[in-house]
Amino acid sequence: MASKELPCDIYMLGIDLDEELIERAKKLKKGDGLSFLSVDIMDGGLQVPELEKYLQENLLTKFSFTFLFSVTMWIHLNHGDNGLISLLKKMTDVTNGSILIEP
């Protein structure tokens, strides 16, 4: 029995500071519902215009789930304790559900 393509009800956004990694991900992307942005999450206070625009375009007010993979050390080295606190505030502002942090 052949598999049937179903409409995508799940949207995922991958972000990274490194524009080259984002461009590579875009080239390898398969399927709908997956987007990539190069964003400096630590820039611009608690508001991150790129994330807000993404949410609006997908008729969302907040993300349902947020994953933070291997960013806490980089944030801490470059922005200190206050940077970690700021990151967590930003993520709780844009996440309606759970946040999974992998140090």
PDB file of N, CA and C in Angstrom:
ATOM      1  N   MET A   1       0.840  -1.174   0.000  1.00  0.00           N
ATOM      2  CA  MET A   1       0.000   0.000   0.000  1.00  0.00           C
ATOM      3  C   MET A   1       0.888   1.242   0.000  1.00  0.00           C
ATOM      4  N   ALA A   2       0.664   2.110  -0.951  1.00  0.00           N
ATOM      5  CA  ALA A   2       1.465   3.327  -1.069  1.00  0.00           C
ATOM      6  C   ALA A   2       1.092   4.315   0.024  1.00  0.00           C
ATOM      7  N   SER A   3       2.119   5.013   0.527  1.00  0.00           N
ATOM      8  CA  SER A   3       1.829   6.015   1.561  1.00  0.00           C
ATOM      9  C   SER A   3       1.207   7.242   0.913  1.00  0.00           C
ATOM     10  N   LYS A   4       0.319   7.863   1.645  1.00  0.00           N
ATOM     11  CA  LYS A   4      -0.389   9.024   1.144  1.00  0.00           C
ATOM     12  C   LYS A   4       0.159  10.269   1.832  1.00  0.00           C
ATOM     13  N   GLU A   5       0.460  11.292   1.067  1.00  0.00           N
ATOM     14  CA  GLU A   5       0.928  12.564   1.626  1.00  0.00           C
ATOM     15  C   GLU A   5      -0.220  13.250   2.348  1.00  0.00           C
ATOM     16  N   LEU A   6       0.028  13.617   3.578  1.00  0.00           N
ATOM     17  CA  LEU A   6      -0.975  14.337   4.351  1.00  0.00           C
ATOM     18  C   LEU A   6      -0.577  15.798   4.457  1.00  0.00           C
ATOM     19  N   PRO A   7      -1.567  16.685   4.558  1.00  0.00           N
ATOM     20  CA  PRO A   7      -1.217  18.096   4.722  1.00  0.00           C
ATOM     21  C   PRO A   7      -0.460  18.296   6.029  1.00  0.00           C
ATOM     22  N   CYS A   8       0.465  19.222   6.016  1.00  0.00           N
ATOM     23  CA  CYS A   8       1.310  19.446   7.178  1.00  0.00           C
ATOM     24  C   CYS A   8       0.589  20.296   8.221  1.00  0.00           C
ATOM     25  N   ASP A   9       0.413  19.744   9.410  1.00  0.00           N
ATOM     26  CA  ASP A   9      -0.164  20.483  10.518  1.00  0.00           C
ATOM     27  C   ASP A   9       0.902  20.841  11.542  1.00  0.00           C
ATOM     28  N   ILE A  10       2.129  20.462  11.273  1.00  0.00           N
ATOM     29  CA  ILE A  10       3.243  20.738  12.174  1.00  0.00           C
ATOM     30  C   ILE A  10       4.211  21.673  11.456  1.00  0.00           C
ATOM     31  N   TYR A  11       4.565  22.735  12.132  1.00  0.00           N
ATOM     32  CA  TYR A  11       5.514  23.687  11.583  1.00  0.00           C
ATOM     33  C   TYR A  11       6.720  23.739  12.501  1.00  0.00           C
ATOM     34  N   MET A  12       7.904  23.691  11.918  1.00  0.00           N
ATOM     35  CA  MET A  12       9.135  23.733  12.693  1.00  0.00           C
ATOM     36  C   MET A  12      10.029  24.826  12.146  1.00  0.00           C
ATOM     37  N   LEU A  13      10.666  25.529  13.058  1.00  0.00           N
ATOM     38  CA  LEU A  13      11.591  26.592  12.688  1.00  0.00           C
ATOM     39  C   LEU A  13      12.932  26.281  13.320  1.00  0.00           C
ATOM     40  N   GLY A  14      13.952  26.191  12.498  1.00  0.00           N
ATOM     41  CA  GLY A  14      15.315  26.018  12.986  1.00  0.00           C
ATOM     42  C   GLY A  14      16.039  27.342  12.877  1.00  0.00           C
ATOM     43  N   ILE A  15      16.685  27.761  13.952  1.00  0.00           N
ATOM     44  CA  ILE A  15      17.430  29.011  13.898  1.00  0.00           C
ATOM     45  C   ILE A  15      18.865  28.783  14.349  1.00  0.00           C
ATOM     46  N   ASP A  16      19.755  29.582  13.804  1.00  0.00           N
ATOM     47  CA  ASP A  16      21.162  29.541  14.180  1.00  0.00           C
ATOM     48  C   ASP A  16      21.759  30.899  13.858  1.00  0.00           C
ATOM     49  N   LEU A  17      22.780  31.257  14.597  1.00  0.00           N
ATOM     50  CA  LEU A  17      23.493  32.508  14.352  1.00  0.00           C
ATOM     51  C   LEU A  17      24.323  32.423  13.071  1.00  0.00           C
ATOM     52  N   ASP A  18      24.788  31.235  12.743  1.00  0.00           N
ATOM     53  CA  ASP A  18      25.674  31.011  11.601  1.00  0.00           C
ATOM     54  C   ASP A  18      24.868  30.929  10.298  1.00  0.00           C
ATOM     55  N   GLU A  19      24.981  31.972   9.477  1.00  0.00           N
ATOM     56  CA  GLU A  19      24.220  32.035   8.221  1.00  0.00           C
ATOM     57  C   GLU A  19      24.588  30.895   7.268  1.00  0.00           C
ATOM     58  N   GLU A  20      25.851  30.469   7.288  1.00  0.00           N
ATOM     59  CA  GLU A  20      26.280  29.383   6.406  1.00  0.00           C
ATOM     60  C   GLU A  20      25.570  28.073   6.768  1.00  0.00           C
ATOM     61  N   LEU A  21      25.430  27.793   8.058  1.00  0.00           N
ATOM     62  CA  LEU A  21      24.717  26.580   8.476  1.00  0.00           C
ATOM     63  C   LEU A  21      23.247  26.644   8.075  1.00  0.00           C
ATOM     64  N   ILE A  22      22.654  27.812   8.162  1.00  0.00           N
ATOM     65  CA  ILE A  22      21.257  27.971   7.764  1.00  0.00           C
ATOM     66  C   ILE A  22      21.103  27.736   6.263  1.00  0.00           C
ATOM     67  N   GLU A  23      22.016  28.278   5.470  1.00  0.00           N
ATOM     68  CA  GLU A  23      21.949  28.075   4.016  1.00  0.00           C
ATOM     69  C   GLU A  23      22.100  26.595   3.663  1.00  0.00           C
ATOM     70  N   ARG A  24      22.992  25.891   4.351  1.00  0.00           N
ATOM     71  CA  ARG A  24      23.147  24.450   4.117  1.00  0.00           C
ATOM     72  C   ARG A  24      21.858  23.703   4.454  1.00  0.00           C
ATOM     73  N   ALA A  25      21.255  24.062   5.570  1.00  0.00           N
ATOM     74  CA  ALA A  25      20.002  23.406   5.985  1.00  0.00           C
ATOM     75  C   ALA A  25      18.895  23.652   4.969  1.00  0.00           C
ATOM     76  N   LYS A  26      18.814  24.875   4.442  1.00  0.00           N
ATOM     77  CA  LYS A  26      17.792  25.193   3.436  1.00  0.00           C
ATOM     78  C   LYS A  26      17.971  24.347   2.184  1.00  0.00           C
ATOM     79  N   LYS A  27      19.224  24.106   1.784  1.00  0.00           N
ATOM     80  CA  LYS A  27      19.490  23.297   0.594  1.00  0.00           C
ATOM     81  C   LYS A  27      19.115  21.830   0.810  1.00  0.00           C
ATOM     82  N   LEU A  28      19.244  21.347   2.031  1.00  0.00           N
ATOM     83  CA  LEU A  28      18.939  19.953   2.340  1.00  0.00           C
ATOM     84  C   LEU A  28      17.482  19.728   2.724  1.00  0.00           C
ATOM     85  N   LYS A  29      16.738  20.809   2.889  1.00  0.00           N
ATOM     86  CA  LYS A  29      15.346  20.744   3.363  1.00  0.00           C
ATOM     87  C   LYS A  29      14.477  19.903   2.434  1.00  0.00           C
ATOM     88  N   LYS A  30      13.666  19.079   3.075  1.00  0.00           N
ATOM     89  CA  LYS A  30      12.690  18.274   2.336  1.00  0.00           C
ATOM     90  C   LYS A  30      11.351  18.420   3.023  1.00  0.00           C
ATOM     91  N   GLY A  31      10.323  18.687   2.260  1.00  0.00           N
ATOM     92  CA  GLY A  31       8.974  18.758   2.817  1.00  0.00           C
ATOM     93  C   GLY A  31       8.572  20.157   3.255  1.00  0.00           C
ATOM     94  N   ASP A  32       7.285  20.291   3.465  1.00  0.00           N
ATOM     95  CA  ASP A  32       6.720  21.555   3.911  1.00  0.00           C
ATOM     96  C   ASP A  32       6.730  21.616   5.433  1.00  0.00           C
ATOM     97  N   GLY A  33       6.536  22.796   5.938  1.00  0.00           N
ATOM     98  CA  GLY A  33       6.414  22.959   7.373  1.00  0.00           C
ATOM     99  C   GLY A  33       7.733  23.147   8.092  1.00  0.00           C
ATOM    100  N   LEU A  34       8.845  23.125   7.360  1.00  0.00           N
ATOM    101  CA  LEU A  34      10.157  23.293   7.962  1.00  0.00           C
ATOM    102  C   LEU A  34      10.803  24.545   7.400  1.00  0.00           C
ATOM    103  N   SER A  35      11.164  25.461   8.290  1.00  0.00           N
ATOM    104  CA  SER A  35      11.784  26.722   7.889  1.00  0.00           C
ATOM    105  C   SER A  35      13.062  26.934   8.684  1.00  0.00           C
ATOM    106  N   PHE A  36      13.951  27.755   8.125  1.00  0.00           N
ATOM    107  CA  PHE A  36      15.219  28.064   8.780  1.00  0.00           C
ATOM    108  C   PHE A  36      15.474  29.559   8.709  1.00  0.00           C
ATOM    109  N   LEU A  37      15.976  30.113   9.802  1.00  0.00           N
ATOM    110  CA  LEU A  37      16.332  31.526   9.857  1.00  0.00           C
ATOM    111  C   LEU A  37      17.677  31.696  10.541  1.00  0.00           C
ATOM    112  N   SER A  38      18.456  32.640  10.052  1.00  0.00           N
ATOM    113  CA  SER A  38      19.664  33.040  10.752  1.00  0.00           C
ATOM    114  C   SER A  38      19.277  34.206  11.656  1.00  0.00           C
ATOM    115  N   VAL A  39      19.326  33.972  12.962  1.00  0.00           N
ATOM    116  CA  VAL A  39      18.873  34.965  13.937  1.00  0.00           C
ATOM    117  C   VAL A  39      19.859  35.001  15.100  1.00  0.00           C
ATOM    118  N   ASP A  40      20.195  36.207  15.542  1.00  0.00           N
ATOM    119  CA  ASP A  40      20.945  36.373  16.787  1.00  0.00           C
ATOM    120  C   ASP A  40      19.910  36.582  17.881  1.00  0.00           C
ATOM    121  N   ILE A  41      19.577  35.521  18.569  1.00  0.00           N
ATOM    122  CA  ILE A  41      18.513  35.530  19.574  1.00  0.00           C
ATOM    123  C   ILE A  41      18.828  36.494  20.714  1.00  0.00           C
ATOM    124  N   MET A  42      20.102  36.841  20.881  1.00  0.00           N
ATOM    125  CA  MET A  42      20.503  37.722  21.979  1.00  0.00           C
ATOM    126  C   MET A  42      20.458  39.193  21.591  1.00  0.00           C
ATOM    127  N   ASP A  43      20.164  39.482  20.355  1.00  0.00           N
ATOM    128  CA  ASP A  43      20.103  40.864  19.888  1.00  0.00           C
ATOM    129  C   ASP A  43      18.681  41.407  20.031  1.00  0.00           C
ATOM    130  N   GLY A  44      18.537  42.640  20.467  1.00  0.00           N
ATOM    131  CA  GLY A  44      17.234  43.299  20.437  1.00  0.00           C
ATOM    132  C   GLY A  44      16.372  43.165  21.677  1.00  0.00           C
ATOM    133  N   GLY A  45      16.962  43.029  22.843  1.00  0.00           N
ATOM    134  CA  GLY A  45      16.139  42.956  24.055  1.00  0.00           C
ATOM    135  C   GLY A  45      15.286  41.703  24.070  1.00  0.00           C
ATOM    136  N   LEU A  46      14.093  41.801  24.649  1.00  0.00           N
ATOM    137  CA  LEU A  46      13.228  40.629  24.745  1.00  0.00           C
ATOM    138  C   LEU A  46      12.447  40.374  23.468  1.00  0.00           C
ATOM    139  N   GLN A  47      12.387  41.343  22.574  1.00  0.00           N
ATOM    140  CA  GLN A  47      11.646  41.163  21.325  1.00  0.00           C
ATOM    141  C   GLN A  47      12.592  40.678  20.229  1.00  0.00           C
ATOM    142  N   VAL A  48      12.181  39.675  19.500  1.00  0.00           N
ATOM    143  CA  VAL A  48      12.961  39.157  18.379  1.00  0.00           C
ATOM    144  C   VAL A  48      12.059  39.235  17.150  1.00  0.00           C
ATOM    145  N   PRO A  49      12.215  40.302  16.340  1.00  0.00           N
ATOM    146  CA  PRO A  49      11.293  40.537  15.209  1.00  0.00           C
ATOM    147  C   PRO A  49      11.151  39.356  14.256  1.00  0.00           C
ATOM    148  N   GLU A  50      12.254  38.635  13.982  1.00  0.00           N
ATOM    149  CA  GLU A  50      12.190  37.510  13.046  1.00  0.00           C
ATOM    150  C   GLU A  50      11.273  36.404  13.579  1.00  0.00           C
ATOM    151  N   LEU A  51      11.332  36.160  14.881  1.00  0.00           N
ATOM    152  CA  LEU A  51      10.471  35.130  15.467  1.00  0.00           C
ATOM    153  C   LEU A  51       9.019  35.575  15.472  1.00  0.00           C
ATOM    154  N   GLU A  52       8.793  36.837  15.803  1.00  0.00           N
ATOM    155  CA  GLU A  52       7.427  37.360  15.804  1.00  0.00           C
ATOM    156  C   GLU A  52       6.822  37.319  14.403  1.00  0.00           C
ATOM    157  N   LYS A  53       7.629  37.655  13.391  1.00  0.00           N
ATOM    158  CA  LYS A  53       7.147  37.607  12.007  1.00  0.00           C
ATOM    159  C   LYS A  53       6.799  36.172  11.608  1.00  0.00           C
ATOM    160  N   TYR A  54       7.663  35.225  11.965  1.00  0.00           N
ATOM    161  CA  TYR A  54       7.403  33.818  11.659  1.00  0.00           C
ATOM    162  C   TYR A  54       6.093  33.368  12.291  1.00  0.00           C
ATOM    163  N   LEU A  55       5.888  33.696  13.555  1.00  0.00           N
ATOM    164  CA  LEU A  55       4.663  33.312  14.247  1.00  0.00           C
ATOM    165  C   LEU A  55       3.438  33.910  13.555  1.00  0.00           C
ATOM    166  N   GLN A  56       3.496  35.186  13.208  1.00  0.00           N
ATOM    167  CA  GLN A  56       2.366  35.842  12.542  1.00  0.00           C
ATOM    168  C   GLN A  56       2.068  35.199  11.198  1.00  0.00           C
ATOM    169  N   GLU A  57       3.106  34.904  10.414  1.00  0.00           N
ATOM    170  CA  GLU A  57       2.916  34.289   9.098  1.00  0.00           C
ATOM    171  C   GLU A  57       2.263  32.913   9.201  1.00  0.00           C
ATOM    172  N   ASN A  58       2.465  32.219  10.309  1.00  0.00           N
ATOM    173  CA  ASN A  58       1.897  30.887  10.498  1.00  0.00           C
ATOM    174  C   ASN A  58       0.682  30.902  11.419  1.00  0.00           C
ATOM    175  N   LEU A  59       0.123  32.104  11.619  1.00  0.00           N
ATOM    176  CA  LEU A  59      -1.088  32.299  12.417  1.00  0.00           C
ATOM    177  C   LEU A  59      -0.947  31.737  13.831  1.00  0.00           C
ATOM    178  N   LEU A  60       0.201  31.969  14.421  1.00  0.00           N
ATOM    179  CA  LEU A  60       0.491  31.509  15.774  1.00  0.00           C
ATOM    180  C   LEU A  60       0.776  32.708  16.671  1.00  0.00           C
ATOM    181  N   THR A  61       0.554  32.542  17.955  1.00  0.00           N
ATOM    182  CA  THR A  61       0.932  33.598  18.895  1.00  0.00           C
ATOM    183  C   THR A  61       2.199  33.220  19.654  1.00  0.00           C
ATOM    184  N   LYS A  62       2.418  31.911  19.835  1.00  0.00           N
ATOM    185  CA  LYS A  62       3.610  31.409  20.514  1.00  0.00           C
ATOM    186  C   LYS A  62       3.956  30.038  19.951  1.00  0.00           C
ATOM    187  N   PHE A  63       5.183  29.614  20.189  1.00  0.00           N
ATOM    188  CA  PHE A  63       5.596  28.270  19.819  1.00  0.00           C
ATOM    189  C   PHE A  63       5.018  27.289  20.828  1.00  0.00           C
ATOM    190  N   SER A  64       4.667  26.100  20.369  1.00  0.00           N
ATOM    191  CA  SER A  64       4.137  25.069  21.260  1.00  0.00           C
ATOM    192  C   SER A  64       5.242  24.393  22.058  1.00  0.00           C
ATOM    193  N   PHE A  65       6.394  24.274  21.464  1.00  0.00           N
ATOM    194  CA  PHE A  65       7.507  23.585  22.094  1.00  0.00           C
ATOM    195  C   PHE A  65       8.791  24.209  21.580  1.00  0.00           C
ATOM    196  N   THR A  66       9.762  24.396  22.447  1.00  0.00           N
ATOM    197  CA  THR A  66      11.043  24.970  22.050  1.00  0.00           C
ATOM    198  C   THR A  66      12.167  24.046  22.489  1.00  0.00           C
ATOM    199  N   PHE A  67      13.087  23.792  21.574  1.00  0.00           N
ATOM    200  CA  PHE A  67      14.280  23.004  21.859  1.00  0.00           C
ATOM    201  C   PHE A  67      15.485  23.928  21.782  1.00  0.00           C
ATOM    202  N   LEU A  68      16.333  23.887  22.770  1.00  0.00           N
ATOM    203  CA  LEU A  68      17.587  24.641  22.751  1.00  0.00           C
ATOM    204  C   LEU A  68      18.723  23.629  22.814  1.00  0.00           C
ATOM    205  N   PHE A  69      19.384  23.417  21.677  1.00  0.00           N
ATOM    206  CA  PHE A  69      20.458  22.433  21.607  1.00  0.00           C
ATOM    207  C   PHE A  69      21.818  23.117  21.571  1.00  0.00           C
ATOM    208  N   SER A  70      22.649  22.800  22.542  1.00  0.00           N
ATOM    209  CA  SER A  70      24.056  23.232  22.578  1.00  0.00           C
ATOM    210  C   SER A  70      24.240  24.744  22.448  1.00  0.00           C
ATOM    211  N   VAL A  71      23.408  25.509  23.108  1.00  0.00           N
ATOM    212  CA  VAL A  71      23.561  26.968  23.040  1.00  0.00           C
ATOM    213  C   VAL A  71      23.917  27.592  24.377  1.00  0.00           C
ATOM    214  N   THR A  72      23.676  26.888  25.474  1.00  0.00           N
ATOM    215  CA  THR A  72      23.863  27.525  26.781  1.00  0.00           C
ATOM    216  C   THR A  72      25.326  27.896  27.040  1.00  0.00           C
ATOM    217  N   MET A  73      26.275  27.048  26.654  1.00  0.00           N
ATOM    218  CA  MET A  73      27.684  27.376  26.867  1.00  0.00           C
ATOM    219  C   MET A  73      28.085  28.597  26.035  1.00  0.00           C
ATOM    220  N   TRP A  74      27.647  28.629  24.766  1.00  0.00           N
ATOM    221  CA  TRP A  74      27.978  29.766  23.902  1.00  0.00           C
ATOM    222  C   TRP A  74      27.392  31.056  24.483  1.00  0.00           C
ATOM    223  N   ILE A  75      26.139  31.008  24.908  1.00  0.00           N
ATOM    224  CA  ILE A  75      25.497  32.187  25.499  1.00  0.00           C
ATOM    225  C   ILE A  75      26.259  32.615  26.748  1.00  0.00           C
ATOM    226  N   HIS A  76      26.600  31.661  27.598  1.00  0.00           N
ATOM    227  CA  HIS A  76      27.289  31.986  28.841  1.00  0.00           C
ATOM    228  C   HIS A  76      28.670  32.581  28.576  1.00  0.00           C
ATOM    229  N   LEU A  77      29.416  32.016  27.634  1.00  0.00           N
ATOM    230  CA  LEU A  77      30.748  32.537  27.311  1.00  0.00           C
ATOM    231  C   LEU A  77      30.691  33.936  26.704  1.00  0.00           C
ATOM    232  N   ASN A  78      29.674  34.202  25.902  1.00  0.00           N
ATOM    233  CA  ASN A  78      29.595  35.473  25.193  1.00  0.00           C
ATOM    234  C   ASN A  78      28.739  36.526  25.881  1.00  0.00           C
ATOM    235  N   HIS A  79      27.843  36.092  26.786  1.00  0.00           N
ATOM    236  CA  HIS A  79      26.921  37.050  27.408  1.00  0.00           C
ATOM    237  C   HIS A  79      26.818  36.904  28.929  1.00  0.00           C
ATOM    238  N   GLY A  80      27.525  35.945  29.506  1.00  0.00           N
ATOM    239  CA  GLY A  80      27.565  35.782  30.955  1.00  0.00           C
ATOM    240  C   GLY A  80      26.255  35.280  31.548  1.00  0.00           C
ATOM    241  N   ASP A  81      26.187  35.353  32.880  1.00  0.00           N
ATOM    242  CA  ASP A  81      24.991  34.898  33.597  1.00  0.00           C
ATOM    243  C   ASP A  81      23.750  35.661  33.166  1.00  0.00           C
ATOM    244  N   ASN A  82      23.896  36.972  32.984  1.00  0.00           N
ATOM    245  CA  ASN A  82      22.751  37.787  32.553  1.00  0.00           C
ATOM    246  C   ASN A  82      22.250  37.368  31.181  1.00  0.00           C
ATOM    247  N   GLY A  83      23.168  36.912  30.322  1.00  0.00           N
ATOM    248  CA  GLY A  83      22.768  36.423  29.014  1.00  0.00           C
ATOM    249  C   GLY A  83      21.909  35.167  29.112  1.00  0.00           C
ATOM    250  N   LEU A  84      22.283  34.248  30.003  1.00  0.00           N
ATOM    251  CA  LEU A  84      21.479  33.040  30.200  1.00  0.00           C
ATOM    252  C   LEU A  84      20.088  33.384  30.716  1.00  0.00           C
ATOM    253  N   ILE A  85      20.034  34.301  31.661  1.00  0.00           N
ATOM    254  CA  ILE A  85      18.733  34.731  32.204  1.00  0.00           C
ATOM    255  C   ILE A  85      17.899  35.378  31.102  1.00  0.00           C
ATOM    256  N   SER A  86      18.523  36.230  30.295  1.00  0.00           N
ATOM    257  CA  SER A  86      17.818  36.888  29.193  1.00  0.00           C
ATOM    258  C   SER A  86      17.304  35.872  28.176  1.00  0.00           C
ATOM    259  N   LEU A  87      18.131  34.881  27.838  1.00  0.00           N
ATOM    260  CA  LEU A  87      17.716  33.840  26.894  1.00  0.00           C
ATOM    261  C   LEU A  87      16.480  33.111  27.408  1.00  0.00           C
ATOM    262  N   LEU A  88      16.487  32.720  28.670  1.00  0.00           N
ATOM    263  CA  LEU A  88      15.349  31.999  29.235  1.00  0.00           C
ATOM    264  C   LEU A  88      14.090  32.870  29.263  1.00  0.00           C
ATOM    265  N   LYS A  89      14.242  34.148  29.542  1.00  0.00           N
ATOM    266  CA  LYS A  89      13.088  35.060  29.505  1.00  0.00           C
ATOM    267  C   LYS A  89      12.525  35.152  28.092  1.00  0.00           C
ATOM    268  N   LYS A  90      13.412  35.281  27.109  1.00  0.00           N
ATOM    269  CA  LYS A  90      12.963  35.366  25.722  1.00  0.00           C
ATOM    270  C   LYS A  90      12.210  34.108  25.313  1.00  0.00           C
ATOM    271  N   MET A  91      12.747  32.954  25.685  1.00  0.00           N
ATOM    272  CA  MET A  91      12.122  31.700  25.287  1.00  0.00           C
ATOM    273  C   MET A  91      10.774  31.505  25.977  1.00  0.00           C
ATOM    274  N   THR A  92      10.647  31.897  27.239  1.00  0.00           N
ATOM    275  CA  THR A  92       9.348  31.756  27.909  1.00  0.00           C
ATOM    276  C   THR A  92       8.330  32.744  27.345  1.00  0.00           C
ATOM    277  N   ASP A  93       8.808  33.873  26.817  1.00  0.00           N
ATOM    278  CA  ASP A  93       7.892  34.837  26.197  1.00  0.00           C
ATOM    279  C   ASP A  93       7.309  34.332  24.884  1.00  0.00           C
ATOM    280  N   VAL A  94       8.057  33.509  24.161  1.00  0.00           N
ATOM    281  CA  VAL A  94       7.590  33.052  22.847  1.00  0.00           C
ATOM    282  C   VAL A  94       7.139  31.598  22.840  1.00  0.00           C
ATOM    283  N   THR A  95       7.158  30.931  23.996  1.00  0.00           N
ATOM    284  CA  THR A  95       6.767  29.523  24.066  1.00  0.00           C
ATOM    285  C   THR A  95       5.549  29.362  24.963  1.00  0.00           C
ATOM    286  N   ASN A  96       4.558  28.689  24.417  1.00  0.00           N
ATOM    287  CA  ASN A  96       3.313  28.442  25.143  1.00  0.00           C
ATOM    288  C   ASN A  96       3.359  27.134  25.922  1.00  0.00           C
ATOM    289  N   GLY A  97       4.240  26.241  25.525  1.00  0.00           N
ATOM    290  CA  GLY A  97       4.307  24.917  26.137  1.00  0.00           C
ATOM    291  C   GLY A  97       5.616  24.714  26.869  1.00  0.00           C
ATOM    292  N   SER A  98       6.331  23.679  26.484  1.00  0.00           N
ATOM    293  CA  SER A  98       7.552  23.294  27.175  1.00  0.00           C
ATOM    294  C   SER A  98       8.797  23.767  26.445  1.00  0.00           C
ATOM    295  N   ILE A  99       9.874  23.886  27.216  1.00  0.00           N
ATOM    296  CA  ILE A  99      11.184  24.217  26.663  1.00  0.00           C
ATOM    297  C   ILE A  99      12.137  23.105  27.087  1.00  0.00           C
ATOM    298  N   LEU A 100      12.784  22.496  26.109  1.00  0.00           N
ATOM    299  CA  LEU A 100      13.771  21.454  26.375  1.00  0.00           C
ATOM    300  C   LEU A 100      15.144  22.057  26.153  1.00  0.00           C
ATOM    301  N   ILE A 101      15.972  22.044  27.187  1.00  0.00           N
ATOM    302  CA  ILE A 101      17.318  22.636  27.099  1.00  0.00           C
ATOM    303  C   ILE A 101      18.346  21.521  27.208  1.00  0.00           C
ATOM    304  N   GLU A 102      19.192  21.416  26.189  1.00  0.00           N
ATOM    305  CA  GLU A 102      20.312  20.481  26.191  1.00  0.00           C
ATOM    306  C   GLU A 102      21.561  21.346  26.317  1.00  0.00           C
ATOM    307  N   PRO A 103      22.255  21.271  27.483  1.00  0.00           N
ATOM    308  CA  PRO A 103      23.406  22.157  27.685  1.00  0.00           C
ATOM    309  C   PRO A 103      24.571  21.857  26.755  1.00  0.00           C
TER     310      PRO A 103
END
